[in-house]
């Protein structure tokens, strides 16, 4: 039995995005939808949300990997500085 959660549409759109320039926005939209759902789940009965929480954790891990491997690094606002996290 497969359950379809509302945030999964945004997650799937991010995974299937082929245009690199569109990918950061898709990832951000998916993360936002997931965060909104997590807020909703805070008020739900714990036993009824366990499967969805597992799915959310998997999705967030997948989005992090996608962003790390497919999105170009963000350049620092200050000219000449390497992207964040790339100091020599």
Protein backbone atom coordinates (compact mmCIF):
# COMPACT_ATOMS: atom_id res chain seq x y z
CA UNK A 1 0.00 0.00 0.00
CA UNK A 2 1.43 3.35 -1.04
CA UNK A 3 0.42 6.52 0.74
CA UNK A 4 0.63 9.82 -1.11
CA UNK A 5 1.39 12.80 1.09
CA UNK A 6 0.78 16.33 -0.21
CA UNK A 7 4.42 17.46 0.10
CA UNK A 8 5.55 14.58 -2.13
CA UNK A 9 4.47 16.44 -5.28
CA UNK A 10 7.00 19.21 -4.61
CA UNK A 11 9.64 16.62 -3.70
CA UNK A 12 9.04 14.73 -6.95
CA UNK A 13 9.20 17.97 -8.96
CA UNK A 14 12.63 18.66 -7.44
CA UNK A 15 13.89 15.17 -8.21
CA UNK A 16 12.69 15.32 -11.81
CA UNK A 17 13.82 18.89 -12.60
CA UNK A 18 16.21 18.81 -15.57
CA UNK A 19 17.07 22.52 -15.75
CA UNK A 20 19.94 23.24 -13.39
CA UNK A 21 18.92 26.88 -13.03
CA UNK A 22 15.46 25.80 -11.84
CA UNK A 23 16.69 23.14 -9.43
CA UNK A 24 17.52 25.34 -6.40
CA UNK A 25 14.00 26.81 -6.48
CA UNK A 26 12.44 23.35 -6.74
CA UNK A 27 14.51 22.10 -3.81
CA UNK A 28 13.55 25.15 -1.75
CA UNK A 29 9.84 24.67 -2.54
CA UNK A 30 10.02 21.00 -1.54
CA UNK A 31 11.79 21.82 1.72
CA UNK A 32 9.21 24.50 2.49
CA UNK A 33 6.31 22.08 1.85
CA UNK A 34 7.96 19.48 4.08
CA UNK A 35 8.55 22.00 6.87
CA UNK A 36 4.93 23.13 6.69
CA UNK A 37 3.79 19.52 6.97
CA UNK A 38 6.09 18.92 9.95
CA UNK A 39 4.42 21.84 11.72
CA UNK A 40 1.02 20.25 11.05
CA UNK A 41 2.25 16.88 12.34
CA UNK A 42 3.27 18.39 15.67
CA UNK A 43 -0.42 18.53 16.51
CA UNK A 44 -1.36 15.06 15.22
CA UNK A 45 -1.53 11.80 17.14
CA UNK A 46 1.96 10.26 17.25
CA UNK A 47 0.96 6.76 16.16
CA UNK A 48 -0.77 7.99 13.01
CA UNK A 49 2.22 9.87 11.60
CA UNK A 50 5.12 7.45 12.01
CA UNK A 51 5.16 6.31 8.36
CA UNK A 52 5.00 9.86 7.08
CA UNK A 53 7.85 10.97 9.36
CA UNK A 54 10.01 8.19 7.92
CA UNK A 55 9.12 9.34 4.41
CA UNK A 56 9.90 12.96 5.31
CA UNK A 57 13.32 12.05 6.71
CA UNK A 58 14.13 10.09 3.55
CA UNK A 59 12.96 12.99 1.36
CA UNK A 60 15.03 15.56 3.25
CA UNK A 61 18.13 13.37 2.92
CA UNK A 62 17.44 13.02 -0.79
CA UNK A 63 17.04 16.78 -1.25
CA UNK A 64 20.34 17.43 0.56
CA UNK A 65 22.16 14.97 -1.69
CA UNK A 66 20.52 16.44 -4.80
CA UNK A 67 21.45 19.99 -3.81
CA UNK A 68 25.02 19.00 -2.98
CA UNK A 69 25.63 17.07 -6.18
CA UNK A 70 23.61 18.99 -8.77
CA UNK A 71 23.41 22.64 -7.71
CA UNK A 72 26.30 24.95 -8.46
CA UNK A 73 27.95 26.36 -5.34
CA UNK A 74 26.77 29.80 -4.26
CA UNK A 75 29.40 32.48 -4.72
CA UNK A 76 30.08 34.84 -1.83
CA UNK A 77 28.57 38.30 -2.13
CA UNK A 78 32.08 39.69 -1.75
CA UNK A 79 34.01 39.53 -5.01
CA UNK A 80 37.00 37.25 -5.06
CA UNK A 81 36.01 35.03 -2.16
CA UNK A 82 35.50 31.30 -2.72
CA UNK A 83 32.07 29.75 -2.17
CA UNK A 84 31.11 29.20 1.46
CA UNK A 85 32.90 26.27 3.04
CA UNK A 86 35.79 26.31 0.55
CA UNK A 87 38.59 28.07 2.36
CA UNK A 88 42.21 27.20 1.77
